[in-house]
PDB file of N, CA and C in Angstrom:
ATOM      1  N   MET A   1     -72.864  46.672 115.962  1.00  0.00           N
ATOM      2  CA  MET A   1     -72.904  45.632 116.916  1.00  0.00           C
ATOM      3  C   MET A   1     -72.786  44.645 115.513  1.00  0.00           C
ATOM      4  N   LEU A   2     -71.699  43.641 115.982  1.00  0.00           N
ATOM      5  CA  LEU A   2     -71.514  42.630 114.676  1.00  0.00           C
ATOM      6  C   LEU A   2     -72.255  41.494 115.045  1.00  0.00           C
ATOM      7  N   THR A   3     -72.628  41.273 113.606  1.00  0.00           N
ATOM      8  CA  THR A   3     -73.822  40.143 113.789  1.00  0.00           C
ATOM      9  C   THR A   3     -72.610  38.759 113.086  1.00  0.00           C
ATOM     10  N   MET A   4     -73.681  38.064 113.178  1.00  0.00           N
ATOM     11  CA  MET A   4     -72.373  35.680 113.148  1.00  0.00           C
ATOM     12  C   MET A   4     -71.742  36.577 111.766  1.00  0.00           C
ATOM     13  N   ASN A   5     -72.634  37.008 110.922  1.00  0.00           N
ATOM     14  CA  ASN A   5     -72.339  37.015 109.497  1.00  0.00           C
ATOM     15  C   ASN A   5     -70.728  37.596 109.234  1.00  0.00           C
ATOM     16  N   ASP A   6     -71.089  39.052 109.976  1.00  0.00           N
ATOM     17  CA  ASP A   6     -69.909  40.182 109.435  1.00  0.00           C
ATOM     18  C   ASP A   6     -68.433  39.255 110.904  1.00  0.00           C
ATOM     19  N   ASP A   7     -69.085  38.690 111.370  1.00  0.00           N
ATOM     20  CA  ASP A   7     -67.918  37.653 111.897  1.00  0.00           C
ATOM     21  C   ASP A   7     -66.780  37.103 111.043  1.00  0.00           C
ATOM     22  N   LEU A   8     -67.942  36.053 110.532  1.00  0.00           N
ATOM     23  CA  LEU A   8     -67.472  35.309 109.814  1.00  0.00           C
ATOM     24  C   LEU A   8     -66.959  35.519 108.394  1.00  0.00           C
ATOM     25  N   GLU A   9     -67.265  36.439 107.203  1.00  0.00           N
ATOM     26  CA  GLU A   9     -66.525  37.317 106.416  1.00  0.00           C
ATOM     27  C   GLU A   9     -65.158  37.596 107.383  1.00  0.00           C
ATOM     28  N   GLY A  10     -65.100  38.525 108.568  1.00  0.00           N
ATOM     29  CA  GLY A  10     -63.632  39.328 108.742  1.00  0.00           C
ATOM     30  C   GLY A  10     -62.871  37.908 109.223  1.00  0.00           C
ATOM     31  N   ALA A  11     -63.442  36.500 109.859  1.00  0.00           N
ATOM     32  CA  ALA A  11     -62.311  35.563 109.794  1.00  0.00           C
ATOM     33  C   ALA A  11     -62.327  34.986 108.556  1.00  0.00           C
ATOM     34  N   LEU A  12     -62.819  34.765 107.802  1.00  0.00           N
ATOM     35  CA  LEU A  12     -62.718  34.131 106.209  1.00  0.00           C
ATOM     36  C   LEU A  12     -61.776  35.080 105.549  1.00  0.00           C
ATOM     37  N   LYS A  13     -61.471  36.611 105.802  1.00  0.00           N
ATOM     38  CA  LYS A  13     -60.717  37.128 105.419  1.00  0.00           C
ATOM     39  C   LYS A  13     -59.333  37.265 105.821  1.00  0.00           C
ATOM     40  N   ALA A  14     -59.035  37.261 107.335  1.00  0.00           N
ATOM     41  CA  ALA A  14     -58.020  36.921 108.203  1.00  0.00           C
ATOM     42  C   ALA A  14     -58.070  35.531 108.040  1.00  0.00           C
ATOM     43  N   TYR A  15     -58.444  34.531 107.764  1.00  0.00           N
ATOM     44  CA  TYR A  15     -57.748  32.767 107.311  1.00  0.00           C
ATOM     45  C   TYR A  15     -57.352  33.067 106.189  1.00  0.00           C
ATOM     46  N   LEU A  16     -57.258  33.603 104.902  1.00  0.00           N
ATOM     47  CA  LEU A  16     -57.253  33.763 103.905  1.00  0.00           C
ATOM     48  C   LEU A  16     -55.438  33.972 103.745  1.00  0.00           C
ATOM     49  N   LYS A  17     -55.687  35.338 104.626  1.00  0.00           N
ATOM     50  CA  LYS A  17     -54.060  35.641 104.491  1.00  0.00           C
ATOM     51  C   LYS A  17     -53.319  35.088 105.586  1.00  0.00           C
ATOM     52  N   LEU A  18     -53.862  34.381 106.639  1.00  0.00           N
ATOM     53  CA  LEU A  18     -52.718  34.013 108.093  1.00  0.00           C
ATOM     54  C   LEU A  18     -52.125  32.654 107.000  1.00  0.00           C
ATOM     55  N   LEU A  19     -53.182  32.037 105.904  1.00  0.00           N
ATOM     56  CA  LEU A  19     -52.858  30.361 105.399  1.00  0.00           C
ATOM     57  C   LEU A  19     -51.357  31.549 104.469  1.00  0.00           C
ATOM     58  N   ASP A  20     -51.823  32.830 103.693  1.00  0.00           N
ATOM     59  CA  ASP A  20     -50.710  33.305 102.481  1.00  0.00           C
ATOM     60  C   ASP A  20     -49.541  33.186 103.895  1.00  0.00           C
ATOM     61  N   GLU A  21     -49.471  34.044 105.168  1.00  0.00           N
ATOM     62  CA  GLU A  21     -48.508  33.844 106.048  1.00  0.00           C
ATOM     63  C   GLU A  21     -47.764  32.829 106.590  1.00  0.00           C
ATOM     64  N   GLU A  22     -48.601  31.394 106.102  1.00  0.00           N
ATOM     65  CA  GLU A  22     -47.812  29.984 107.050  1.00  0.00           C
ATOM     66  C   GLU A  22     -48.106  29.970 108.038  1.00  0.00           C
ATOM     67  N   ALA A  23     -49.263  30.869 108.874  1.00  0.00           N
ATOM     68  CA  ALA A  23     -49.806  31.362 110.256  1.00  0.00           C
ATOM     69  C   ALA A  23     -51.063  30.242 110.311  1.00  0.00           C
ATOM     70  N   TYR A  24     -50.563  28.986 110.102  1.00  0.00           N
ATOM     71  CA  TYR A  24     -51.764  27.852 110.400  1.00  0.00           C
ATOM     72  C   TYR A  24     -52.418  28.005 111.697  1.00  0.00           C
ATOM     73  N   PHE A  25     -52.122  27.356 112.820  1.00  0.00           N
ATOM     74  CA  PHE A  25     -52.257  28.070 113.953  1.00  0.00           C
ATOM     75  C   PHE A  25     -53.630  28.606 114.004  1.00  0.00           C
ATOM     76  N   GLU A  26     -52.602  30.017 113.800  1.00  0.00           N
ATOM     77  CA  GLU A  26     -53.511  31.249 114.026  1.00  0.00           C
ATOM     78  C   GLU A  26     -55.011  31.523 112.896  1.00  0.00           C
ATOM     79  N   ALA A  27     -54.627  30.490 111.671  1.00  0.00           N
ATOM     80  CA  ALA A  27     -55.924  30.763 110.627  1.00  0.00           C
ATOM     81  C   ALA A  27     -56.866  29.715 111.662  1.00  0.00           C
ATOM     82  N   HIS A  28     -56.342  28.904 111.919  1.00  0.00           N
ATOM     83  CA  HIS A  28     -57.365  27.593 112.671  1.00  0.00           C
ATOM     84  C   HIS A  28     -58.121  28.512 114.071  1.00  0.00           C
ATOM     85  N   GLU A  29     -57.227  29.187 114.398  1.00  0.00           N
ATOM     86  CA  GLU A  29     -57.866  30.415 115.830  1.00  0.00           C
ATOM     87  C   GLU A  29     -59.096  31.228 115.520  1.00  0.00           C
ATOM     88  N   VAL A  30     -58.474  31.763 114.253  1.00  0.00           N
ATOM     89  CA  VAL A  30     -59.421  33.054 113.830  1.00  0.00           C
ATOM     90  C   VAL A  30     -60.807  32.437 113.165  1.00  0.00           C
ATOM     91  N   LEU A  31     -61.006  31.110 112.499  1.00  0.00           N
ATOM     92  CA  LEU A  31     -61.857  30.794 111.741  1.00  0.00           C
ATOM     93  C   LEU A  31     -62.557  30.240 113.011  1.00  0.00           C
ATOM     94  N   GLU A  32     -62.501  29.580 114.207  1.00  0.00           N
ATOM     95  CA  GLU A  32     -62.741  28.942 115.377  1.00  0.00           C
ATOM     96  C   GLU A  32     -63.618  29.886 115.956  1.00  0.00           C
ATOM     97  N   GLU A  33     -63.040  31.104 115.867  1.00  0.00           N
ATOM     98  CA  GLU A  33     -63.773  31.535 116.458  1.00  0.00           C
ATOM     99  C   GLU A  33     -65.047  31.883 116.293  1.00  0.00           C
ATOM    100  N   ALA A  34     -65.414  32.341 114.920  1.00  0.00           N
ATOM    101  CA  ALA A  34     -66.257  32.532 114.016  1.00  0.00           C
ATOM    102  C   ALA A  34     -67.553  31.573 114.346  1.00  0.00           C
ATOM    103  N   TRP A  35     -66.551  30.537 113.609  1.00  0.00           N
ATOM    104  CA  TRP A  35     -67.350  29.270 113.950  1.00  0.00           C
ATOM    105  C   TRP A  35     -68.157  28.753 115.198  1.00  0.00           C
ATOM    106  N   HIS A  36     -67.363  29.264 116.040  1.00  0.00           N
ATOM    107  CA  HIS A  36     -68.467  28.706 117.203  1.00  0.00           C
ATOM    108  C   HIS A  36     -70.441  29.003 117.509  1.00  0.00           C
ATOM    109  N   PRO A  37     -70.114  30.740 117.290  1.00  0.00           N
ATOM    110  CA  PRO A  37     -71.677  30.558 117.261  1.00  0.00           C
ATOM    111  C   PRO A  37     -72.411  30.173 116.401  1.00  0.00           C
ATOM    112  N   LEU A  38     -71.973  29.923 114.830  1.00  0.00           N
ATOM    113  CA  LEU A  38     -72.408  28.853 113.942  1.00  0.00           C
ATOM    114  C   LEU A  38     -73.056  28.034 114.153  1.00  0.00           C
ATOM    115  N   ARG A  39     -71.885  26.790 115.114  1.00  0.00           N
ATOM    116  CA  ARG A  39     -72.107  26.041 115.625  1.00  0.00           C
ATOM    117  C   ARG A  39     -73.814  25.272 116.534  1.00  0.00           C
ATOM    118  N   LEU A  40     -73.359  26.486 117.830  1.00  0.00           N
ATOM    119  CA  LEU A  40     -74.311  27.271 118.303  1.00  0.00           C
ATOM    120  C   LEU A  40     -75.808  27.128 117.906  1.00  0.00           C
ATOM    121  N   ALA A  41     -75.535  27.756 116.581  1.00  0.00           N
ATOM    122  CA  ALA A  41     -76.647  28.369 115.803  1.00  0.00           C
ATOM    123  C   ALA A  41     -77.662  27.256 114.920  1.00  0.00           C
ATOM    124  N   ASP A  42     -76.580  26.011 114.956  1.00  0.00           N
ATOM    125  CA  ASP A  42     -76.928  25.154 113.798  1.00  0.00           C
ATOM    126  C   ASP A  42     -77.260  25.765 112.512  1.00  0.00           C
ATOM    127  N   HIS A  43     -76.131  26.894 112.154  1.00  0.00           N
ATOM    128  CA  HIS A  43     -76.262  27.341 110.799  1.00  0.00           C
ATOM    129  C   HIS A  43     -75.751  26.231 109.652  1.00  0.00           C
ATOM    130  N   PRO A  44     -76.257  26.409 108.734  1.00  0.00           N
ATOM    131  CA  PRO A  44     -75.925  25.513 107.567  1.00  0.00           C
ATOM    132  C   PRO A  44     -74.318  25.746 107.035  1.00  0.00           C
ATOM    133  N   LEU A  45     -74.100  26.652 107.283  1.00  0.00           N
ATOM    134  CA  LEU A  45     -72.027  26.634 107.385  1.00  0.00           C
ATOM    135  C   LEU A  45     -71.555  26.235 108.100  1.00  0.00           C
ATOM    136  N   LYS A  46     -71.816  26.119 109.317  1.00  0.00           N
ATOM    137  CA  LYS A  46     -70.735  24.926 110.498  1.00  0.00           C
ATOM    138  C   LYS A  46     -70.101  24.203 110.393  1.00  0.00           C
ATOM    139  N   ASN A  47     -70.200  23.034 109.026  1.00  0.00           N
ATOM    140  CA  ASN A  47     -69.810  22.382 108.787  1.00  0.00           C
ATOM    141  C   ASN A  47     -68.635  22.203 107.658  1.00  0.00           C
ATOM    142  N   LEU A  48     -68.486  23.268 107.240  1.00  0.00           N
ATOM    143  CA  LEU A  48     -67.942  23.764 105.664  1.00  0.00           C
ATOM    144  C   LEU A  48     -66.521  24.123 106.604  1.00  0.00           C
ATOM    145  N   VAL A  49     -67.231  25.319 107.392  1.00  0.00           N
ATOM    146  CA  VAL A  49     -66.405  26.051 108.052  1.00  0.00           C
ATOM    147  C   VAL A  49     -65.261  24.854 108.912  1.00  0.00           C
ATOM    148  N   LYS A  50     -65.897  24.173 109.546  1.00  0.00           N
ATOM    149  CA  LYS A  50     -65.361  23.240 110.194  1.00  0.00           C
ATOM    150  C   LYS A  50     -64.216  22.644 109.673  1.00  0.00           C
ATOM    151  N   GLY A  51     -64.229  22.225 108.397  1.00  0.00           N
ATOM    152  CA  GLY A  51     -63.668  21.559 106.871  1.00  0.00           C
ATOM    153  C   GLY A  51     -62.445  22.295 106.905  1.00  0.00           C
ATOM    154  N   PHE A  52     -62.300  23.951 106.814  1.00  0.00           N
ATOM    155  CA  PHE A  52     -61.465  24.825 106.746  1.00  0.00           C
ATOM    156  C   PHE A  52     -60.806  24.745 108.232  1.00  0.00           C
ATOM    157  N   ILE A  53     -60.813  25.080 109.832  1.00  0.00           N
ATOM    158  CA  ILE A  53     -60.188  24.607 110.555  1.00  0.00           C
ATOM    159  C   ILE A  53     -59.423  23.673 110.863  1.00  0.00           C
ATOM    160  N   ASN A  54     -60.258  22.275 110.546  1.00  0.00           N
ATOM    161  CA  ASN A  54     -59.003  21.277 110.702  1.00  0.00           C
ATOM    162  C   ASN A  54     -58.083  21.391 109.443  1.00  0.00           C
ATOM    163  N   ALA A  55     -58.662  22.050 107.803  1.00  0.00           N
ATOM    164  CA  ALA A  55     -57.553  21.620 106.846  1.00  0.00           C
ATOM    165  C   ALA A  55     -55.892  22.887 107.318  1.00  0.00           C
ATOM    166  N   ALA A  56     -56.446  24.011 108.604  1.00  0.00           N
ATOM    167  CA  ALA A  56     -55.185  24.465 108.944  1.00  0.00           C
ATOM    168  C   ALA A  56     -54.572  23.988 109.791  1.00  0.00           C
ATOM    169  N   VAL A  57     -55.252  23.276 110.758  1.00  0.00           N
ATOM    170  CA  VAL A  57     -54.792  22.421 111.933  1.00  0.00           C
ATOM    171  C   VAL A  57     -53.844  21.332 110.829  1.00  0.00           C
ATOM    172  N   SER A  58     -54.233  20.952 110.017  1.00  0.00           N
ATOM    173  CA  SER A  58     -53.351  19.720 109.235  1.00  0.00           C
ATOM    174  C   SER A  58     -52.453  20.207 108.939  1.00  0.00           C
ATOM    175  N   PHE A  59     -52.123  21.483 108.310  1.00  0.00           N
ATOM    176  CA  PHE A  59     -50.772  21.625 107.885  1.00  0.00           C
ATOM    177  C   PHE A  59     -49.450  22.122 108.690  1.00  0.00           C
ATOM    178  N   GLU A  60     -50.712  22.945 109.787  1.00  0.00           N
ATOM    179  CA  GLU A  60     -49.659  23.266 111.498  1.00  0.00           C
ATOM    180  C   GLU A  60     -48.506  21.856 111.736  1.00  0.00           C
ATOM    181  N   HIS A  61     -50.163  20.891 112.037  1.00  0.00           N
ATOM    182  CA  HIS A  61     -49.106  19.362 112.202  1.00  0.00           C
ATOM    183  C   HIS A  61     -47.751  19.224 111.298  1.00  0.00           C
ATOM    184  N   LEU A  62     -47.813  19.865 110.009  1.00  0.00           N
ATOM    185  CA  LEU A  62     -46.936  19.087 108.903  1.00  0.00           C
ATOM    186  C   LEU A  62     -45.526  20.373 109.347  1.00  0.00           C
ATOM    187  N   LYS A  63     -46.254  21.487 109.637  1.00  0.00           N
ATOM    188  CA  LYS A  63     -45.160  22.653 109.739  1.00  0.00           C
ATOM    189  C   LYS A  63     -44.156  22.045 111.111  1.00  0.00           C
ATOM    190  N   ARG A  64     -45.011  21.622 112.226  1.00  0.00           N
ATOM    191  CA  ARG A  64     -44.149  21.618 113.178  1.00  0.00           C
ATOM    192  C   ARG A  64     -43.180  20.199 113.281  1.00  0.00           C
ATOM    193  N   ASN A  65     -43.804  19.275 112.372  1.00  0.00           N
ATOM    194  CA  ASN A  65     -42.753  18.039 111.907  1.00  0.00           C
ATOM    195  C   ASN A  65     -42.764  17.610 113.508  1.00  0.00           C
ATOM    196  N   ARG A  66     -43.712  17.315 114.029  1.00  0.00           N
ATOM    197  CA  ARG A  66     -43.315  16.312 115.519  1.00  0.00           C
ATOM    198  C   ARG A  66     -43.733  15.042 114.862  1.00  0.00           C
ATOM    199  N   THR A  67     -43.412  14.080 116.040  1.00  0.00           N
ATOM    200  CA  THR A  67     -44.062  12.587 115.515  1.00  0.00           C
ATOM    201  C   THR A  67     -45.006  12.596 115.198  1.00  0.00           C
ATOM    202  N   ASP A  68     -45.170  11.700 114.002  1.00  0.00           N
ATOM    203  CA  ASP A  68     -46.183  11.140 113.539  1.00  0.00           C
ATOM    204  C   ASP A  68     -47.094  12.256 112.397  1.00  0.00           C
ATOM    205  N   ALA A  69     -46.379  13.522 112.165  1.00  0.00           N
ATOM    206  CA  ALA A  69     -47.147  14.412 111.717  1.00  0.00           C
ATOM    207  C   ALA A  69     -47.780  14.410 110.256  1.00  0.00           C
ATOM    208  N   GLU A  70     -47.454  13.313 109.618  1.00  0.00           N
ATOM    209  CA  GLU A  70     -48.555  12.516 108.851  1.00  0.00           C
ATOM    210  C   GLU A  70     -49.296  12.483 108.880  1.00  0.00           C
ATOM    211  N   ARG A  71     -49.531  11.234 109.426  1.00  0.00           N
ATOM    212  CA  ARG A  71     -50.687  11.089 110.017  1.00  0.00           C
ATOM    213  C   ARG A  71     -51.448  11.748 111.161  1.00  0.00           C
ATOM    214  N   LYS A  72     -51.247  12.327 111.503  1.00  0.00           N
ATOM    215  CA  LYS A  72     -52.550  13.258 112.272  1.00  0.00           C
ATOM    216  C   LYS A  72     -52.836  14.209 110.750  1.00  0.00           C
ATOM    217  N   ALA A  73     -51.589  14.757 109.794  1.00  0.00           N
ATOM    218  CA  ALA A  73     -52.691  15.541 109.055  1.00  0.00           C
ATOM    219  C   ALA A  73     -53.042  15.363 108.387  1.00  0.00           C
ATOM    220  N   ARG A  74     -52.942  14.059 108.088  1.00  0.00           N
ATOM    221  CA  ARG A  74     -53.975  12.868 107.014  1.00  0.00           C
ATOM    222  C   ARG A  74     -55.758  12.876 107.722  1.00  0.00           C
ATOM    223  N   ARG A  75     -55.761  12.607 108.632  1.00  0.00           N
ATOM    224  CA  ARG A  75     -56.253  12.510 109.734  1.00  0.00           C
ATOM    225  C   ARG A  75     -57.025  13.648 109.971  1.00  0.00           C
ATOM    226  N   VAL A  76     -57.160  14.716 110.273  1.00  0.00           N
ATOM    227  CA  VAL A  76     -57.641  16.107 110.357  1.00  0.00           C
ATOM    228  C   VAL A  76     -57.194  16.344 108.917  1.00  0.00           C
ATOM    229  N   MET A  77     -57.208  16.654 108.152  1.00  0.00           N
ATOM    230  CA  MET A  77     -57.501  16.515 106.672  1.00  0.00           C
ATOM    231  C   MET A  77     -58.803  16.282 106.121  1.00  0.00           C
ATOM    232  N   ALA A  78     -59.402  14.734 106.712  1.00  0.00           N
ATOM    233  CA  ALA A  78     -60.158  13.919 106.433  1.00  0.00           C
ATOM    234  C   ALA A  78     -61.626  14.707 107.251  1.00  0.00           C
ATOM    235  N   SER A  79     -61.549  15.515 108.176  1.00  0.00           N
ATOM    236  CA  SER A  79     -62.700  16.639 108.303  1.00  0.00           C
ATOM    237  C   SER A  79     -63.038  17.607 106.797  1.00  0.00           C
ATOM    238  N   TYR A  80     -62.070  17.857 106.454  1.00  0.00           N
ATOM    239  CA  TYR A  80     -61.539  19.042 105.187  1.00  0.00           C
ATOM    240  C   TYR A  80     -62.662  18.708 104.160  1.00  0.00           C
ATOM    241  N   GLU A  81     -62.162  16.949 103.690  1.00  0.00           N
ATOM    242  CA  GLU A  81     -62.333  16.993 102.501  1.00  0.00           C
ATOM    243  C   GLU A  81     -64.086  16.214 102.510  1.00  0.00           C
ATOM    244  N   ARG A  82     -64.292  15.797 103.990  1.00  0.00           N
ATOM    245  CA  ARG A  82     -65.701  15.364 104.646  1.00  0.00           C
ATOM    246  C   ARG A  82     -66.511  16.446 104.200  1.00  0.00           C
ATOM    247  N   HIS A  83     -66.508  17.721 104.192  1.00  0.00           N
ATOM    248  CA  HIS A  83     -67.173  18.963 104.243  1.00  0.00           C
ATOM    249  C   HIS A  83     -67.169  20.109 103.357  1.00  0.00           C
ATOM    250  N   ILE A  84     -66.094  19.559 102.436  1.00  0.00           N
ATOM    251  CA  ILE A  84     -65.836  20.733 100.982  1.00  0.00           C
ATOM    252  C   ILE A  84     -66.656  20.719 100.095  1.00  0.00           C
ATOM    253  N   GLY A  85     -67.340  19.723 100.289  1.00  0.00           N
ATOM    254  CA  GLY A  85     -68.766  19.260  99.176  1.00  0.00           C
ATOM    255  C   GLY A  85     -69.826  20.030  99.601  1.00  0.00           C
ATOM    256  N   LEU A  86     -69.998  20.476 100.959  1.00  0.00           N
ATOM    257  CA  LEU A  86     -70.792  21.667 100.759  1.00  0.00           C
ATOM    258  C   LEU A  86     -70.913  23.029 100.657  1.00  0.00           C
ATOM    259  N   TYR A  87     -69.472  23.021  99.957  1.00  0.00           N
ATOM    260  CA  TYR A  87     -69.274  24.809  99.314  1.00  0.00           C
ATOM    261  C   TYR A  87     -70.303  24.755  97.492  1.00  0.00           C
ATOM    262  N   ASN A  88     -70.538  25.518  97.738  1.00  0.00           N
ATOM    263  CA  ASN A  88     -71.007  25.636  96.394  1.00  0.00           C
ATOM    264  C   ASN A  88     -70.956  27.226  95.888  1.00  0.00           C
ATOM    265  N   ASP A  89     -71.675  27.892  94.687  1.00  0.00           N
ATOM    266  CA  ASP A  89     -71.329  29.105  94.328  1.00  0.00           C
ATOM    267  C   ASP A  89     -72.667  29.758  94.769  1.00  0.00           C
ATOM    268  N   GLU A  90     -73.475  29.415  95.606  1.00  0.00           N
ATOM    269  CA  GLU A  90     -74.543  29.957  95.540  1.00  0.00           C
ATOM    270  C   GLU A  90     -74.822  30.014  97.661  1.00  0.00           C
ATOM    271  N   ILE A  91     -73.911  29.506  98.092  1.00  0.00           N
ATOM    272  CA  ILE A  91     -73.435  29.979  99.871  1.00  0.00           C
ATOM    273  C   ILE A  91     -73.326  31.527 100.006  1.00  0.00           C
ATOM    274  N   ALA A  92     -73.703  31.654 101.318  1.00  0.00           N
ATOM    275  CA  ALA A  92     -72.864  33.124 101.540  1.00  0.00           C
ATOM    276  C   ALA A  92     -71.503  32.744 101.661  1.00  0.00           C
ATOM    277  N   TYR A  93     -71.281  34.112 101.077  1.00  0.00           N
ATOM    278  CA  TYR A  93     -69.285  34.165 101.171  1.00  0.00           C
ATOM    279  C   TYR A  93     -68.907  33.522 100.174  1.00  0.00           C
ATOM    280  N   ALA A  94     -69.155  32.555  99.081  1.00  0.00           N
ATOM    281  CA  ALA A  94     -68.471  32.003  98.448  1.00  0.00           C
ATOM    282  C   ALA A  94     -67.557  32.383  97.777  1.00  0.00           C
ATOM    283  N   GLU A  95     -67.237  33.268  97.424  1.00  0.00           N
ATOM    284  CA  GLU A  95     -66.319  33.693  96.966  1.00  0.00           C
ATOM    285  C   GLU A  95     -64.812  34.199  97.879  1.00  0.00           C
ATOM    286  N   LEU A  96     -65.259  33.801  99.087  1.00  0.00           N
ATOM    287  CA  LEU A  96     -64.612  34.118  99.700  1.00  0.00           C
ATOM    288  C   LEU A  96     -64.365  31.931 100.498  1.00  0.00           C
ATOM    289  N   PHE A  97     -65.194  31.107 100.559  1.00  0.00           N
ATOM    290  CA  PHE A  97     -64.892  29.692 101.052  1.00  0.00           C
ATOM    291  C   PHE A  97     -63.939  29.350  99.382  1.00  0.00           C
ATOM    292  N   LYS A  98     -64.526  30.130  98.099  1.00  0.00           N
ATOM    293  CA  LYS A  98     -63.443  29.965  97.079  1.00  0.00           C
ATOM    294  C   LYS A  98     -62.232  29.774  97.165  1.00  0.00           C
ATOM    295  N   GLN A  99     -62.062  31.332  97.176  1.00  0.00           N
ATOM    296  CA  GLN A  99     -60.453  31.575  97.372  1.00  0.00           C
ATOM    297  C   GLN A  99     -59.982  30.513  98.500  1.00  0.00           C
ATOM    298  N   ALA A 100     -60.672  30.058  99.619  1.00  0.00           N
ATOM    299  CA  ALA A 100     -60.126  29.602 100.723  1.00  0.00           C
ATOM    300  C   ALA A 100     -59.548  28.045 100.359  1.00  0.00           C
ATOM    301  N   LYS A 101     -60.756  27.642  99.573  1.00  0.00           N
ATOM    302  CA  LYS A 101     -60.747  26.480  98.933  1.00  0.00           C
ATOM    303  C   LYS A 101     -59.192  26.019  97.879  1.00  0.00           C
ATOM    304  N   ILE A 102     -58.999  26.873  97.167  1.00  0.00           N
ATOM    305  CA  ILE A 102     -57.979  27.123  95.905  1.00  0.00           C
ATOM    306  C   ILE A 102     -56.438  26.936  96.810  1.00  0.00           C
ATOM    307  N   LYS A 103     -56.688  28.133  98.271  1.00  0.00           N
ATOM    308  CA  LYS A 103     -55.471  28.238  98.915  1.00  0.00           C
ATOM    309  C   LYS A 103     -55.186  27.022  99.333  1.00  0.00           C
ATOM    310  N   VAL A 104     -56.344  26.349 100.182  1.00  0.00           N
ATOM    311  CA  VAL A 104     -56.073  24.529 100.598  1.00  0.00           C
ATOM    312  C   VAL A 104     -55.350  23.491  99.834  1.00  0.00           C
ATOM    313  N   GLU A 105     -56.013  23.492  98.659  1.00  0.00           N
ATOM    314  CA  GLU A 105     -55.273  22.588  97.752  1.00  0.00           C
ATOM    315  C   GLU A 105     -53.912  22.947  97.080  1.00  0.00           C
ATOM    316  N   ILE A 106     -53.893  24.396  96.738  1.00  0.00           N
ATOM    317  CA  ILE A 106     -52.503  24.770  96.926  1.00  0.00           C
ATOM    318  C   ILE A 106     -51.820  23.971  97.366  1.00  0.00           C
ATOM    319  N   LEU A 107     -51.652  24.347  98.667  1.00  0.00           N
ATOM    320  CA  LEU A 107     -51.055  23.834  99.915  1.00  0.00           C
ATOM    321  C   LEU A 107     -50.973  22.437  99.952  1.00  0.00           C
ATOM    322  N   LYS A 108     -51.910  21.744 100.202  1.00  0.00           N
ATOM    323  CA  LYS A 108     -52.069  20.181  99.519  1.00  0.00           C
ATOM    324  C   LYS A 108     -51.107  19.499  98.985  1.00  0.00           C
ATOM    325  N   SER A 109     -50.906  20.640  97.668  1.00  0.00           N
ATOM    326  CA  SER A 109     -50.104  19.805  96.730  1.00  0.00           C
ATOM    327  C   SER A 109     -48.505  19.909  96.865  1.00  0.00           C
ATOM    328  N   TYR A 110     -48.353  21.262  97.822  1.00  0.00           N
ATOM    329  CA  TYR A 110     -47.262  21.129  98.170  1.00  0.00           C
ATOM    330  C   TYR A 110     -46.333  19.770  99.443  1.00  0.00           C
ATOM    331  N   TYR A 111     -47.206  18.757  99.549  1.00  0.00           N
ATOM    332  CA  TYR A 111     -47.132  17.979 100.036  1.00  0.00           C
ATOM    333  C   TYR A 111     -47.574  16.444  99.546  1.00  0.00           C
ATOM    334  N   PRO A 112     -47.384  16.123  98.735  1.00  0.00           N
ATOM    335  CA  PRO A 112     -48.146  14.386  97.586  1.00  0.00           C
ATOM    336  C   PRO A 112     -47.911  13.259  98.385  1.00  0.00           C
ATOM    337  N   GLU A 113     -46.797  13.663  99.191  1.00  0.00           N
ATOM    338  CA  GLU A 113     -46.525  12.396  99.843  1.00  0.00           C
ATOM    339  C   GLU A 113     -47.676  11.869 101.464  1.00  0.00           C
ATOM    340  N   VAL A 114     -48.196  12.812 101.725  1.00  0.00           N
ATOM    341  CA  VAL A 114     -48.877  13.062 102.650  1.00  0.00           C
ATOM    342  C   VAL A 114     -50.316  12.774 102.392  1.00  0.00           C
ATOM    343  N   PHE A 115     -50.915  13.578 101.126  1.00  0.00           N
ATOM    344  CA  PHE A 115     -52.479  13.724 100.819  1.00  0.00           C
ATOM    345  C   PHE A 115     -52.738  13.123  99.129  1.00  0.00           C
TER     346      PHE A 115
END
């Protein structure tokens, strides 16, 4: 039986791979699936995970380039910005979160006019 932590570790690994593939919607989905039990258990990492979910959503808005995509991307990215301060080297899966943070920051740098 998988534990909440196993699910989170696998989800983070999948999230990283999906970001590399520019599959932002799928990245959001895989992490959101692991986030639900964290949220229900009031796990200390729930808000950090939510921030990464919203970062992926932000890039999906830009990828789809629909009406008002830049405003929507900035609004959703605000959740990531609000919660990224919860990351530190002492949390569970710190290395995976660190890799995710680096990937998100690189992706943000591709859109200087937005972020």
